[in-house]
Amino acid sequence: MWSAPSHDALVFVHPNWWGMPPAVLTGWVQRVLVPGVAYKLGTADGEPAGLLRAGRALVLNTSDTPGEREESEFGDPLQRIWAACVLPYVGVVDVRRVVFRTVTDSTDGTRRAWLLQARREAAALVA
């Protein structure tokens, strides 16, 4: 008997906005990934139990900050937000992230290559 494969995954696409997701996405996270829907607190010390079926996620970011500066001066805050704070809390154990940079001086060809890479990453996420 044939059954459809499970492709439960989350994909977030956003710019690096002052080291954070844009406010509209942050608001969505705060309204949608709520207790009883996305997680429950399983113990008195606040350890969460993730409730989402999506065990994997892909985060695609654009940035105008060079990678070396992002890491050395800021410690890559978006990596911490998604891979350490938000997604593990709701049960995502496989967090993949790709940053396309720098946008301001990118060429049409570079942006086309980024779109192809984004498609490949999304396909690999659900393979």
PDB file of N, CA and C in Angstrom:
ATOM      1  N   MET A   1       0.844  -1.177   0.000  1.00  0.00           N
ATOM      2  CA  MET A   1       0.000   0.000   0.000  1.00  0.00           C
ATOM      3  C   MET A   1       0.888   1.238   0.000  1.00  0.00           C
ATOM      4  N   TRP A   2       0.560   2.196  -0.850  1.00  0.00           N
ATOM      5  CA  TRP A   2       1.313   3.449  -0.961  1.00  0.00           C
ATOM      6  C   TRP A   2       0.766   4.478   0.001  1.00  0.00           C
ATOM      7  N   SER A   3       1.672   5.228   0.623  1.00  0.00           N
ATOM      8  CA  SER A   3       1.230   6.356   1.440  1.00  0.00           C
ATOM      9  C   SER A   3       2.097   7.560   1.103  1.00  0.00           C
ATOM     10  N   ALA A   4       1.489   8.705   1.185  1.00  0.00           N
ATOM     11  CA  ALA A   4       2.218   9.937   0.868  1.00  0.00           C
ATOM     12  C   ALA A   4       3.293  10.182   1.914  1.00  0.00           C
ATOM     13  N   PRO A   5       4.443  10.655   1.490  1.00  0.00           N
ATOM     14  CA  PRO A   5       5.503  10.959   2.458  1.00  0.00           C
ATOM     15  C   PRO A   5       5.111  12.158   3.312  1.00  0.00           C
ATOM     16  N   SER A   6       5.629  12.183   4.506  1.00  0.00           N
ATOM     17  CA  SER A   6       5.388  13.305   5.399  1.00  0.00           C
ATOM     18  C   SER A   6       6.421  14.393   5.132  1.00  0.00           C
ATOM     19  N   HIS A   7       5.943  15.592   4.902  1.00  0.00           N
ATOM     20  CA  HIS A   7       6.833  16.717   4.634  1.00  0.00           C
ATOM     21  C   HIS A   7       6.610  17.825   5.648  1.00  0.00           C
ATOM     22  N   ASP A   8       6.375  17.467   6.875  1.00  0.00           N
ATOM     23  CA  ASP A   8       6.132  18.478   7.889  1.00  0.00           C
ATOM     24  C   ASP A   8       7.404  19.260   8.164  1.00  0.00           C
ATOM     25  N   ALA A   9       7.390  20.515   7.751  1.00  0.00           N
ATOM     26  CA  ALA A   9       8.545  21.384   7.936  1.00  0.00           C
ATOM     27  C   ALA A   9       8.064  22.825   7.946  1.00  0.00           C
ATOM     28  N   LEU A  10       8.876  23.659   8.537  1.00  0.00           N
ATOM     29  CA  LEU A  10       8.614  25.097   8.556  1.00  0.00           C
ATOM     30  C   LEU A  10       9.674  25.795   7.734  1.00  0.00           C
ATOM     31  N   VAL A  11       9.289  26.863   7.049  1.00  0.00           N
ATOM     32  CA  VAL A  11      10.234  27.681   6.299  1.00  0.00           C
ATOM     33  C   VAL A  11       9.972  29.136   6.658  1.00  0.00           C
ATOM     34  N   PHE A  12      11.033  29.831   7.033  1.00  0.00           N
ATOM     35  CA  PHE A  12      10.963  31.253   7.340  1.00  0.00           C
ATOM     36  C   PHE A  12      11.920  31.977   6.407  1.00  0.00           C
ATOM     37  N   VAL A  13      11.434  33.029   5.762  1.00  0.00           N
ATOM     38  CA  VAL A  13      12.259  33.820   4.844  1.00  0.00           C
ATOM     39  C   VAL A  13      12.120  35.274   5.279  1.00  0.00           C
ATOM     40  N   HIS A  14      13.246  35.882   5.640  1.00  0.00           N
ATOM     41  CA  HIS A  14      13.177  37.275   6.083  1.00  0.00           C
ATOM     42  C   HIS A  14      14.553  37.926   6.065  1.00  0.00           C
ATOM     43  N   PRO A  15      14.555  39.260   6.031  1.00  0.00           N
ATOM     44  CA  PRO A  15      15.833  39.966   6.112  1.00  0.00           C
ATOM     45  C   PRO A  15      16.329  40.030   7.552  1.00  0.00           C
ATOM     46  N   ASN A  16      17.599  40.261   7.684  1.00  0.00           N
ATOM     47  CA  ASN A  16      18.172  40.566   8.991  1.00  0.00           C
ATOM     48  C   ASN A  16      17.832  42.029   9.260  1.00  0.00           C
ATOM     49  N   TRP A  17      16.985  42.260  10.228  1.00  0.00           N
ATOM     50  CA  TRP A  17      16.509  43.605  10.521  1.00  0.00           C
ATOM     51  C   TRP A  17      17.000  43.992  11.904  1.00  0.00           C
ATOM     52  N   TRP A  18      18.147  44.679  11.964  1.00  0.00           N
ATOM     53  CA  TRP A  18      18.761  45.052  13.234  1.00  0.00           C
ATOM     54  C   TRP A  18      19.031  43.826  14.100  1.00  0.00           C
ATOM     55  N   GLY A  19      19.456  42.738  13.478  1.00  0.00           N
ATOM     56  CA  GLY A  19      19.785  41.523  14.219  1.00  0.00           C
ATOM     57  C   GLY A  19      18.575  40.733  14.658  1.00  0.00           C
ATOM     58  N   MET A  20      17.402  41.055  14.105  1.00  0.00           N
ATOM     59  CA  MET A  20      16.154  40.388  14.478  1.00  0.00           C
ATOM     60  C   MET A  20      15.330  40.122  13.216  1.00  0.00           C
ATOM     61  N   PRO A  21      14.336  39.256  13.320  1.00  0.00           N
ATOM     62  CA  PRO A  21      13.347  39.206  12.246  1.00  0.00           C
ATOM     63  C   PRO A  21      12.548  40.514  12.259  1.00  0.00           C
ATOM     64  N   PRO A  22      11.953  40.894  11.138  1.00  0.00           N
ATOM     65  CA  PRO A  22      11.106  42.081  11.133  1.00  0.00           C
ATOM     66  C   PRO A  22       9.956  41.948  12.136  1.00  0.00           C
ATOM     67  N   ALA A  23       9.445  43.075  12.587  1.00  0.00           N
ATOM     68  CA  ALA A  23       8.414  43.103  13.625  1.00  0.00           C
ATOM     69  C   ALA A  23       7.183  42.284  13.247  1.00  0.00           C
ATOM     70  N   VAL A  24       6.783  42.315  11.991  1.00  0.00           N
ATOM     71  CA  VAL A  24       5.581  41.569  11.597  1.00  0.00           C
ATOM     72  C   VAL A  24       5.781  40.061  11.790  1.00  0.00           C
ATOM     73  N   LEU A  25       6.979  39.555  11.503  1.00  0.00           N
ATOM     74  CA  LEU A  25       7.259  38.132  11.713  1.00  0.00           C
ATOM     75  C   LEU A  25       7.375  37.819  13.203  1.00  0.00           C
ATOM     76  N   THR A  26       8.017  38.692  13.943  1.00  0.00           N
ATOM     77  CA  THR A  26       8.105  38.499  15.394  1.00  0.00           C
ATOM     78  C   THR A  26       6.716  38.458  16.008  1.00  0.00           C
ATOM     79  N   GLY A  27       5.839  39.353  15.569  1.00  0.00           N
ATOM     80  CA  GLY A  27       4.459  39.347  16.062  1.00  0.00           C
ATOM     81  C   GLY A  27       3.732  38.063  15.708  1.00  0.00           C
ATOM     82  N   TRP A  28       3.969  37.550  14.500  1.00  0.00           N
ATOM     83  CA  TRP A  28       3.353  36.284  14.094  1.00  0.00           C
ATOM     84  C   TRP A  28       3.817  35.161  15.011  1.00  0.00           C
ATOM     85  N   VAL A  29       5.117  35.083  15.256  1.00  0.00           N
ATOM     86  CA  VAL A  29       5.657  34.051  16.143  1.00  0.00           C
ATOM     87  C   VAL A  29       4.997  34.145  17.520  1.00  0.00           C
ATOM     88  N   GLN A  30       4.874  35.358  18.031  1.00  0.00           N
ATOM     89  CA  GLN A  30       4.307  35.544  19.369  1.00  0.00           C
ATOM     90  C   GLN A  30       2.818  35.223  19.433  1.00  0.00           C
ATOM     91  N   ARG A  31       2.112  35.370  18.315  1.00  0.00           N
ATOM     92  CA  ARG A  31       0.671  35.076  18.309  1.00  0.00           C
ATOM     93  C   ARG A  31       0.357  33.635  17.942  1.00  0.00           C
ATOM     94  N   VAL A  32       1.238  32.979  17.182  1.00  0.00           N
ATOM     95  CA  VAL A  32       0.931  31.646  16.670  1.00  0.00           C
ATOM     96  C   VAL A  32       1.637  30.534  17.444  1.00  0.00           C
ATOM     97  N   LEU A  33       2.886  30.731  17.793  1.00  0.00           N
ATOM     98  CA  LEU A  33       3.631  29.687  18.510  1.00  0.00           C
ATOM     99  C   LEU A  33       3.418  29.855  20.012  1.00  0.00           C
ATOM    100  N   VAL A  34       2.197  29.587  20.421  1.00  0.00           N
ATOM    101  CA  VAL A  34       1.757  29.860  21.792  1.00  0.00           C
ATOM    102  C   VAL A  34       1.619  28.565  22.595  1.00  0.00           C
ATOM    103  N   PRO A  35       1.613  28.690  23.933  1.00  0.00           N
ATOM    104  CA  PRO A  35       1.418  27.511  24.782  1.00  0.00           C
ATOM    105  C   PRO A  35       0.101  26.812  24.441  1.00  0.00           C
ATOM    106  N   GLY A  36       0.156  25.514  24.448  1.00  0.00           N
ATOM    107  CA  GLY A  36      -1.019  24.712  24.139  1.00  0.00           C
ATOM    108  C   GLY A  36      -1.199  24.445  22.663  1.00  0.00           C
ATOM    109  N   VAL A  37      -0.519  25.200  21.830  1.00  0.00           N
ATOM    110  CA  VAL A  37      -0.573  25.009  20.381  1.00  0.00           C
ATOM    111  C   VAL A  37       0.784  24.532  19.871  1.00  0.00           C
ATOM    112  N   ALA A  38       1.829  25.261  20.205  1.00  0.00           N
ATOM    113  CA  ALA A  38       3.166  24.950  19.702  1.00  0.00           C
ATOM    114  C   ALA A  38       4.039  24.268  20.745  1.00  0.00           C
ATOM    115  N   TYR A  39       3.714  24.456  22.014  1.00  0.00           N
ATOM    116  CA  TYR A  39       4.508  23.842  23.081  1.00  0.00           C
ATOM    117  C   TYR A  39       3.690  23.836  24.367  1.00  0.00           C
ATOM    118  N   LYS A  40       4.179  23.047  25.299  1.00  0.00           N
ATOM    119  CA  LYS A  40       3.652  23.110  26.666  1.00  0.00           C
ATOM    120  C   LYS A  40       4.837  23.035  27.603  1.00  0.00           C
ATOM    121  N   LEU A  41       4.678  23.656  28.734  1.00  0.00           N
ATOM    122  CA  LEU A  41       5.745  23.581  29.727  1.00  0.00           C
ATOM    123  C   LEU A  41       5.539  22.298  30.508  1.00  0.00           C
ATOM    124  N   GLY A  42       6.531  21.413  30.379  1.00  0.00           N
ATOM    125  CA  GLY A  42       6.389  20.090  30.948  1.00  0.00           C
ATOM    126  C   GLY A  42       6.840  19.973  32.386  1.00  0.00           C
ATOM    127  N   THR A  43       7.668  20.902  32.838  1.00  0.00           N
ATOM    128  CA  THR A  43       8.185  20.822  34.190  1.00  0.00           C
ATOM    129  C   THR A  43       8.126  22.196  34.844  1.00  0.00           C
ATOM    130  N   ALA A  44       8.256  22.207  36.146  1.00  0.00           N
ATOM    131  CA  ALA A  44       8.210  23.456  36.897  1.00  0.00           C
ATOM    132  C   ALA A  44       9.401  24.356  36.585  1.00  0.00           C
ATOM    133  N   ASP A  45      10.498  23.778  36.100  1.00  0.00           N
ATOM    134  CA  ASP A  45      11.662  24.620  35.784  1.00  0.00           C
ATOM    135  C   ASP A  45      11.605  25.191  34.367  1.00  0.00           C
ATOM    136  N   GLY A  46      10.476  25.033  33.695  1.00  0.00           N
ATOM    137  CA  GLY A  46      10.269  25.688  32.413  1.00  0.00           C
ATOM    138  C   GLY A  46      10.755  24.949  31.192  1.00  0.00           C
ATOM    139  N   GLU A  47      11.094  23.675  31.324  1.00  0.00           N
ATOM    140  CA  GLU A  47      11.510  22.910  30.151  1.00  0.00           C
ATOM    141  C   GLU A  47      10.290  22.666  29.260  1.00  0.00           C
ATOM    142  N   PRO A  48      10.367  23.086  27.987  1.00  0.00           N
ATOM    143  CA  PRO A  48       9.212  22.927  27.114  1.00  0.00           C
ATOM    144  C   PRO A  48       9.115  21.533  26.509  1.00  0.00           C
ATOM    145  N   ALA A  49       7.905  21.180  26.147  1.00  0.00           N
ATOM    146  CA  ALA A  49       7.656  20.003  25.323  1.00  0.00           C
ATOM    147  C   ALA A  49       7.063  20.532  24.028  1.00  0.00           C
ATOM    148  N   GLY A  50       7.787  20.382  22.932  1.00  0.00           N
ATOM    149  CA  GLY A  50       7.303  20.876  21.647  1.00  0.00           C
ATOM    150  C   GLY A  50       6.094  20.094  21.178  1.00  0.00           C
ATOM    151  N   LEU A  51       5.128  20.792  20.616  1.00  0.00           N
ATOM    152  CA  LEU A  51       3.893  20.161  20.155  1.00  0.00           C
ATOM    153  C   LEU A  51       3.754  20.149  18.637  1.00  0.00           C
ATOM    154  N   LEU A  52       4.654  20.785  17.916  1.00  0.00           N
ATOM    155  CA  LEU A  52       4.537  20.819  16.463  1.00  0.00           C
ATOM    156  C   LEU A  52       5.033  19.518  15.851  1.00  0.00           C
ATOM    157  N   ARG A  53       4.371  19.087  14.781  1.00  0.00           N
ATOM    158  CA  ARG A  53       4.803  17.889  14.066  1.00  0.00           C
ATOM    159  C   ARG A  53       6.032  18.166  13.212  1.00  0.00           C
ATOM    160  N   ALA A  54       6.240  19.410  12.868  1.00  0.00           N
ATOM    161  CA  ALA A  54       7.373  19.775  12.015  1.00  0.00           C
ATOM    162  C   ALA A  54       8.669  19.608  12.794  1.00  0.00           C
ATOM    163  N   GLY A  55       9.422  18.593  12.475  1.00  0.00           N
ATOM    164  CA  GLY A  55      10.677  18.351  13.177  1.00  0.00           C
ATOM    165  C   GLY A  55      11.861  19.052  12.548  1.00  0.00           C
ATOM    166  N   ARG A  56      11.609  19.760  11.447  1.00  0.00           N
ATOM    167  CA  ARG A  56      12.717  20.438  10.759  1.00  0.00           C
ATOM    168  C   ARG A  56      12.238  21.788  10.234  1.00  0.00           C
ATOM    169  N   ALA A  57      13.202  22.682  10.083  1.00  0.00           N
ATOM    170  CA  ALA A  57      12.884  24.020   9.599  1.00  0.00           C
ATOM    171  C   ALA A  57      14.046  24.567   8.793  1.00  0.00           C
ATOM    172  N   LEU A  58      13.700  25.445   7.873  1.00  0.00           N
ATOM    173  CA  LEU A  58      14.673  26.157   7.063  1.00  0.00           C
ATOM    174  C   LEU A  58      14.439  27.645   7.272  1.00  0.00           C
ATOM    175  N   VAL A  59      15.505  28.353   7.593  1.00  0.00           N
ATOM    176  CA  VAL A  59      15.452  29.800   7.748  1.00  0.00           C
ATOM    177  C   VAL A  59      16.363  30.398   6.681  1.00  0.00           C
ATOM    178  N   LEU A  60      15.776  31.222   5.821  1.00  0.00           N
ATOM    179  CA  LEU A  60      16.522  31.901   4.770  1.00  0.00           C
ATOM    180  C   LEU A  60      16.547  33.382   5.098  1.00  0.00           C
ATOM    181  N   ASN A  61      17.735  33.928   5.215  1.00  0.00           N
ATOM    182  CA  ASN A  61      17.898  35.342   5.558  1.00  0.00           C
ATOM    183  C   ASN A  61      18.656  36.082   4.484  1.00  0.00           C
ATOM    184  N   THR A  62      18.337  37.361   4.337  1.00  0.00           N
ATOM    185  CA  THR A  62      19.166  38.265   3.565  1.00  0.00           C
ATOM    186  C   THR A  62      19.816  39.226   4.543  1.00  0.00           C
ATOM    187  N   SER A  63      20.991  39.718   4.164  1.00  0.00           N
ATOM    188  CA  SER A  63      21.724  40.598   5.067  1.00  0.00           C
ATOM    189  C   SER A  63      22.659  41.510   4.288  1.00  0.00           C
ATOM    190  N   ASP A  64      22.902  42.678   4.854  1.00  0.00           N
ATOM    191  CA  ASP A  64      23.914  43.576   4.310  1.00  0.00           C
ATOM    192  C   ASP A  64      25.165  43.602   5.173  1.00  0.00           C
ATOM    193  N   THR A  65      25.203  42.761   6.182  1.00  0.00           N
ATOM    194  CA  THR A  65      26.371  42.685   7.059  1.00  0.00           C
ATOM    195  C   THR A  65      27.254  41.526   6.604  1.00  0.00           C
ATOM    196  N   PRO A  66      28.528  41.784   6.317  1.00  0.00           N
ATOM    197  CA  PRO A  66      29.427  40.680   5.949  1.00  0.00           C
ATOM    198  C   PRO A  66      29.459  39.611   7.057  1.00  0.00           C
ATOM    199  N   GLY A  67      29.593  38.365   6.663  1.00  0.00           N
ATOM    200  CA  GLY A  67      29.554  37.252   7.608  1.00  0.00           C
ATOM    201  C   GLY A  67      30.560  37.350   8.735  1.00  0.00           C
ATOM    202  N   GLU A  68      31.795  37.749   8.402  1.00  0.00           N
ATOM    203  CA  GLU A  68      32.829  37.839   9.437  1.00  0.00           C
ATOM    204  C   GLU A  68      32.449  38.867  10.497  1.00  0.00           C
ATOM    205  N   ARG A  69      31.916  40.007  10.055  1.00  0.00           N
ATOM    206  CA  ARG A  69      31.515  41.051  11.011  1.00  0.00           C
ATOM    207  C   ARG A  69      30.318  40.591  11.832  1.00  0.00           C
ATOM    208  N   GLU A  70      29.373  39.939  11.173  1.00  0.00           N
ATOM    209  CA  GLU A  70      28.190  39.437  11.880  1.00  0.00           C
ATOM    210  C   GLU A  70      28.595  38.543  13.044  1.00  0.00           C
ATOM    211  N   GLU A  71      29.519  37.640  12.774  1.00  0.00           N
ATOM    212  CA  GLU A  71      29.948  36.688  13.799  1.00  0.00           C
ATOM    213  C   GLU A  71      30.819  37.355  14.866  1.00  0.00           C
ATOM    214  N   SER A  72      31.801  38.122  14.443  1.00  0.00           N
ATOM    215  CA  SER A  72      32.754  38.672  15.419  1.00  0.00           C
ATOM    216  C   SER A  72      32.169  39.792  16.271  1.00  0.00           C
ATOM    217  N   GLU A  73      31.344  40.651  15.694  1.00  0.00           N
ATOM    218  CA  GLU A  73      30.813  41.782  16.458  1.00  0.00           C
ATOM    219  C   GLU A  73      29.465  41.515  17.104  1.00  0.00           C
ATOM    220  N   PHE A  74      28.648  40.701  16.455  1.00  0.00           N
ATOM    221  CA  PHE A  74      27.278  40.520  16.936  1.00  0.00           C
ATOM    222  C   PHE A  74      26.967  39.103  17.395  1.00  0.00           C
ATOM    223  N   GLY A  75      27.820  38.144  17.062  1.00  0.00           N
ATOM    224  CA  GLY A  75      27.590  36.767  17.480  1.00  0.00           C
ATOM    225  C   GLY A  75      26.450  36.077  16.760  1.00  0.00           C
ATOM    226  N   ASP A  76      26.086  36.548  15.569  1.00  0.00           N
ATOM    227  CA  ASP A  76      25.021  35.968  14.749  1.00  0.00           C
ATOM    228  C   ASP A  76      23.716  35.815  15.539  1.00  0.00           C
ATOM    229  N   PRO A  77      23.064  36.930  15.878  1.00  0.00           N
ATOM    230  CA  PRO A  77      21.858  36.871  16.702  1.00  0.00           C
ATOM    231  C   PRO A  77      20.713  36.095  16.066  1.00  0.00           C
ATOM    232  N   LEU A  78      20.597  36.100  14.738  1.00  0.00           N
ATOM    233  CA  LEU A  78      19.498  35.352  14.123  1.00  0.00           C
ATOM    234  C   LEU A  78      19.675  33.845  14.296  1.00  0.00           C
ATOM    235  N   GLN A  79      20.895  33.375  14.280  1.00  0.00           N
ATOM    236  CA  GLN A  79      21.135  31.952  14.541  1.00  0.00           C
ATOM    237  C   GLN A  79      20.678  31.600  15.955  1.00  0.00           C
ATOM    238  N   ARG A  80      21.002  32.445  16.907  1.00  0.00           N
ATOM    239  CA  ARG A  80      20.577  32.191  18.298  1.00  0.00           C
ATOM    240  C   ARG A  80      19.059  32.241  18.419  1.00  0.00           C
ATOM    241  N   ILE A  81      18.430  33.229  17.786  1.00  0.00           N
ATOM    242  CA  ILE A  81      16.971  33.353  17.886  1.00  0.00           C
ATOM    243  C   ILE A  81      16.289  32.099  17.374  1.00  0.00           C
ATOM    244  N   TRP A  82      16.617  31.688  16.147  1.00  0.00           N
ATOM    245  CA  TRP A  82      15.910  30.565  15.532  1.00  0.00           C
ATOM    246  C   TRP A  82      16.374  29.202  16.042  1.00  0.00           C
ATOM    247  N   ALA A  83      17.692  28.973  16.082  1.00  0.00           N
ATOM    248  CA  ALA A  83      18.208  27.634  16.380  1.00  0.00           C
ATOM    249  C   ALA A  83      18.355  27.337  17.858  1.00  0.00           C
ATOM    250  N   ALA A  84      18.356  28.360  18.702  1.00  0.00           N
ATOM    251  CA  ALA A  84      18.515  28.113  20.137  1.00  0.00           C
ATOM    252  C   ALA A  84      17.271  28.489  20.939  1.00  0.00           C
ATOM    253  N   CYS A  85      16.518  29.461  20.467  1.00  0.00           N
ATOM    254  CA  CYS A  85      15.389  29.947  21.273  1.00  0.00           C
ATOM    255  C   CYS A  85      14.034  29.492  20.756  1.00  0.00           C
ATOM    256  N   VAL A  86      13.676  29.866  19.547  1.00  0.00           N
ATOM    257  CA  VAL A  86      12.312  29.651  19.061  1.00  0.00           C
ATOM    258  C   VAL A  86      12.053  28.210  18.632  1.00  0.00           C
ATOM    259  N   LEU A  87      12.786  27.731  17.658  1.00  0.00           N
ATOM    260  CA  LEU A  87      12.424  26.453  17.035  1.00  0.00           C
ATOM    261  C   LEU A  87      12.600  25.236  17.938  1.00  0.00           C
ATOM    262  N   PRO A  88      13.677  25.101  18.701  1.00  0.00           N
ATOM    263  CA  PRO A  88      13.754  23.956  19.606  1.00  0.00           C
ATOM    264  C   PRO A  88      12.624  23.954  20.653  1.00  0.00           C
ATOM    265  N   TYR A  89      12.178  25.127  21.031  1.00  0.00           N
ATOM    266  CA  TYR A  89      11.121  25.258  22.034  1.00  0.00           C
ATOM    267  C   TYR A  89       9.820  24.607  21.573  1.00  0.00           C
ATOM    268  N   VAL A  90       9.574  24.636  20.251  1.00  0.00           N
ATOM    269  CA  VAL A  90       8.321  24.088  19.728  1.00  0.00           C
ATOM    270  C   VAL A  90       8.487  22.684  19.153  1.00  0.00           C
ATOM    271  N   GLY A  91       9.685  22.121  19.292  1.00  0.00           N
ATOM    272  CA  GLY A  91       9.899  20.733  18.897  1.00  0.00           C
ATOM    273  C   GLY A  91      10.688  20.523  17.626  1.00  0.00           C
ATOM    274  N   VAL A  92      11.216  21.573  17.027  1.00  0.00           N
ATOM    275  CA  VAL A  92      12.016  21.435  15.810  1.00  0.00           C
ATOM    276  C   VAL A  92      13.444  21.089  16.211  1.00  0.00           C
ATOM    277  N   VAL A  93      13.925  19.954  15.733  1.00  0.00           N
ATOM    278  CA  VAL A  93      15.271  19.511  16.098  1.00  0.00           C
ATOM    279  C   VAL A  93      16.286  19.710  14.973  1.00  0.00           C
ATOM    280  N   ASP A  94      15.813  19.839  13.747  1.00  0.00           N
ATOM    281  CA  ASP A  94      16.680  20.024  12.584  1.00  0.00           C
ATOM    282  C   ASP A  94      16.451  21.439  12.054  1.00  0.00           C
ATOM    283  N   VAL A  95      17.324  22.365  12.453  1.00  0.00           N
ATOM    284  CA  VAL A  95      17.209  23.761  12.029  1.00  0.00           C
ATOM    285  C   VAL A  95      18.322  24.057  11.036  1.00  0.00           C
ATOM    286  N   ARG A  96      17.933  24.404   9.824  1.00  0.00           N
ATOM    287  CA  ARG A  96      18.887  24.738   8.776  1.00  0.00           C
ATOM    288  C   ARG A  96      18.742  26.231   8.460  1.00  0.00           C
ATOM    289  N   ARG A  97      19.853  26.885   8.259  1.00  0.00           N
ATOM    290  CA  ARG A  97      19.799  28.323   7.992  1.00  0.00           C
ATOM    291  C   ARG A  97      20.813  28.700   6.929  1.00  0.00           C
ATOM    292  N   VAL A  98      20.371  29.535   6.002  1.00  0.00           N
ATOM    293  CA  VAL A  98      21.227  30.038   4.936  1.00  0.00           C
ATOM    294  C   VAL A  98      21.074  31.553   4.915  1.00  0.00           C
ATOM    295  N   VAL A  99      22.206  32.246   4.830  1.00  0.00           N
ATOM    296  CA  VAL A  99      22.197  33.702   4.760  1.00  0.00           C
ATOM    297  C   VAL A  99      22.750  34.120   3.404  1.00  0.00           C
ATOM    298  N   PHE A 100      21.988  34.948   2.719  1.00  0.00           N
ATOM    299  CA  PHE A 100      22.415  35.493   1.434  1.00  0.00           C
ATOM    300  C   PHE A 100      22.900  36.918   1.678  1.00  0.00           C
ATOM    301  N   ARG A 101      24.182  37.127   1.391  1.00  0.00           N
ATOM    302  CA  ARG A 101      24.770  38.441   1.671  1.00  0.00           C
ATOM    303  C   ARG A 101      25.848  38.777   0.671  1.00  0.00           C
ATOM    304  N   THR A 102      26.170  40.005   0.529  1.00  0.00           N
ATOM    305  CA  THR A 102      25.488  41.203   0.952  1.00  0.00           C
ATOM    306  C   THR A 102      24.553  41.649  -0.170  1.00  0.00           C
ATOM    307  N   VAL A 103      23.378  42.058   0.217  1.00  0.00           N
ATOM    308  CA  VAL A 103      22.321  42.358  -0.737  1.00  0.00           C
ATOM    309  C   VAL A 103      22.603  43.644  -1.504  1.00  0.00           C
ATOM    310  N   THR A 104      23.031  44.674  -0.816  1.00  0.00           N
ATOM    311  CA  THR A 104      23.180  45.990  -1.432  1.00  0.00           C
ATOM    312  C   THR A 104      24.061  45.973  -2.673  1.00  0.00           C
ATOM    313  N   ASP A 105      25.156  45.234  -2.634  1.00  0.00           N
ATOM    314  CA  ASP A 105      26.061  45.231  -3.788  1.00  0.00           C
ATOM    315  C   ASP A 105      25.928  43.963  -4.641  1.00  0.00           C
ATOM    316  N   SER A 106      24.835  43.224  -4.465  1.00  0.00           N
ATOM    317  CA  SER A 106      24.664  41.989  -5.241  1.00  0.00           C
ATOM    318  C   SER A 106      24.217  42.312  -6.671  1.00  0.00           C
ATOM    319  N   THR A 107      24.573  41.422  -7.570  1.00  0.00           N
ATOM    320  CA  THR A 107      24.204  41.566  -8.983  1.00  0.00           C
ATOM    321  C   THR A 107      22.955  40.744  -9.276  1.00  0.00           C
ATOM    322  N   ASP A 108      22.379  40.971 -10.436  1.00  0.00           N
ATOM    323  CA  ASP A 108      21.230  40.159 -10.855  1.00  0.00           C
ATOM    324  C   ASP A 108      21.603  38.680 -10.881  1.00  0.00           C
ATOM    325  N   GLY A 109      22.789  38.379 -11.387  1.00  0.00           N
ATOM    326  CA  GLY A 109      23.243  36.989 -11.451  1.00  0.00           C
ATOM    327  C   GLY A 109      23.394  36.373 -10.067  1.00  0.00           C
ATOM    328  N   THR A 110      23.910  37.140  -9.143  1.00  0.00           N
ATOM    329  CA  THR A 110      24.057  36.653  -7.768  1.00  0.00           C
ATOM    330  C   THR A 110      22.690  36.363  -7.160  1.00  0.00           C
ATOM    331  N   ARG A 111      21.750  37.261  -7.371  1.00  0.00           N
ATOM    332  CA  ARG A 111      20.412  37.050  -6.817  1.00  0.00           C
ATOM    333  C   ARG A 111      19.719  35.856  -7.456  1.00  0.00           C
ATOM    334  N   ARG A 112      19.922  35.640  -8.750  1.00  0.00           N
ATOM    335  CA  ARG A 112      19.376  34.439  -9.398  1.00  0.00           C
ATOM    336  C   ARG A 112      19.980  33.177  -8.778  1.00  0.00           C
ATOM    337  N   ALA A 113      21.285  33.206  -8.524  1.00  0.00           N
ATOM    338  CA  ALA A 113      21.947  32.055  -7.885  1.00  0.00           C
ATOM    339  C   ALA A 113      21.392  31.825  -6.480  1.00  0.00           C
ATOM    340  N   TRP A 114      21.117  32.905  -5.757  1.00  0.00           N
ATOM    341  CA  TRP A 114      20.522  32.761  -4.417  1.00  0.00           C
ATOM    342  C   TRP A 114      19.157  32.083  -4.495  1.00  0.00           C
ATOM    343  N   LEU A 115      18.343  32.466  -5.480  1.00  0.00           N
ATOM    344  CA  LEU A 115      17.020  31.848  -5.626  1.00  0.00           C
ATOM    345  C   LEU A 115      17.143  30.358  -5.936  1.00  0.00           C
ATOM    346  N   LEU A 116      18.099  30.000  -6.785  1.00  0.00           N
ATOM    347  CA  LEU A 116      18.323  28.576  -7.071  1.00  0.00           C
ATOM    348  C   LEU A 116      18.767  27.827  -5.818  1.00  0.00           C
ATOM    349  N   GLN A 117      19.659  28.442  -5.058  1.00  0.00           N
ATOM    350  CA  GLN A 117      20.107  27.812  -3.822  1.00  0.00           C
ATOM    351  C   GLN A 117      18.948  27.657  -2.840  1.00  0.00           C
ATOM    352  N   ALA A 118      18.096  28.655  -2.740  1.00  0.00           N
ATOM    353  CA  ALA A 118      16.933  28.574  -1.845  1.00  0.00           C
ATOM    354  C   ALA A 118      16.029  27.414  -2.253  1.00  0.00           C
ATOM    355  N   ARG A 119      15.819  27.238  -3.544  1.00  0.00           N
ATOM    356  CA  ARG A 119      15.000  26.112  -4.027  1.00  0.00           C
ATOM    357  C   ARG A 119      15.645  24.771  -3.661  1.00  0.00           C
ATOM    358  N   ARG A 120      16.961  24.675  -3.852  1.00  0.00           N
ATOM    359  CA  ARG A 120      17.657  23.428  -3.507  1.00  0.00           C
ATOM    360  C   ARG A 120      17.550  23.141  -2.007  1.00  0.00           C
ATOM    361  N   GLU A 121      17.734  24.162  -1.192  1.00  0.00           N
ATOM    362  CA  GLU A 121      17.653  23.978   0.262  1.00  0.00           C
ATOM    363  C   GLU A 121      16.257  23.530   0.669  1.00  0.00           C
ATOM    364  N   ALA A 122      15.232  24.121   0.080  1.00  0.00           N
ATOM    365  CA  ALA A 122      13.847  23.737   0.405  1.00  0.00           C
ATOM    366  C   ALA A 122      13.568  22.306  -0.038  1.00  0.00           C
ATOM    367  N   ALA A 123      14.045  21.931  -1.195  1.00  0.00           N
ATOM    368  CA  ALA A 123      13.852  20.553  -1.684  1.00  0.00           C
ATOM    369  C   ALA A 123      14.565  19.564  -0.772  1.00  0.00           C
ATOM    370  N   ALA A 124      15.767  19.899  -0.347  1.00  0.00           N
ATOM    371  CA  ALA A 124      16.519  19.011   0.554  1.00  0.00           C
ATOM    372  C   ALA A 124      15.830  18.893   1.908  1.00  0.00           C
ATOM    373  N   LEU A 125      15.157  19.939   2.327  1.00  0.00           N
ATOM    374  CA  LEU A 125      14.468  19.923   3.622  1.00  0.00           C
ATOM    375  C   LEU A 125      13.378  18.863   3.674  1.00  0.00           C
ATOM    376  N   VAL A 126      12.702  18.663   2.560  1.00  0.00           N
ATOM    377  CA  VAL A 126      11.573  17.721   2.555  1.00  0.00           C
ATOM    378  C   VAL A 126      11.900  16.410   1.840  1.00  0.00           C
ATOM    379  N   ALA A 127      13.161  16.228   1.472  1.00  0.00           N
ATOM    380  CA  ALA A 127      13.564  14.990   0.779  1.00  0.00           C
ATOM    381  C   ALA A 127      13.594  13.820   1.753  1.00  0.00           C
TER     382      ALA A 127
END
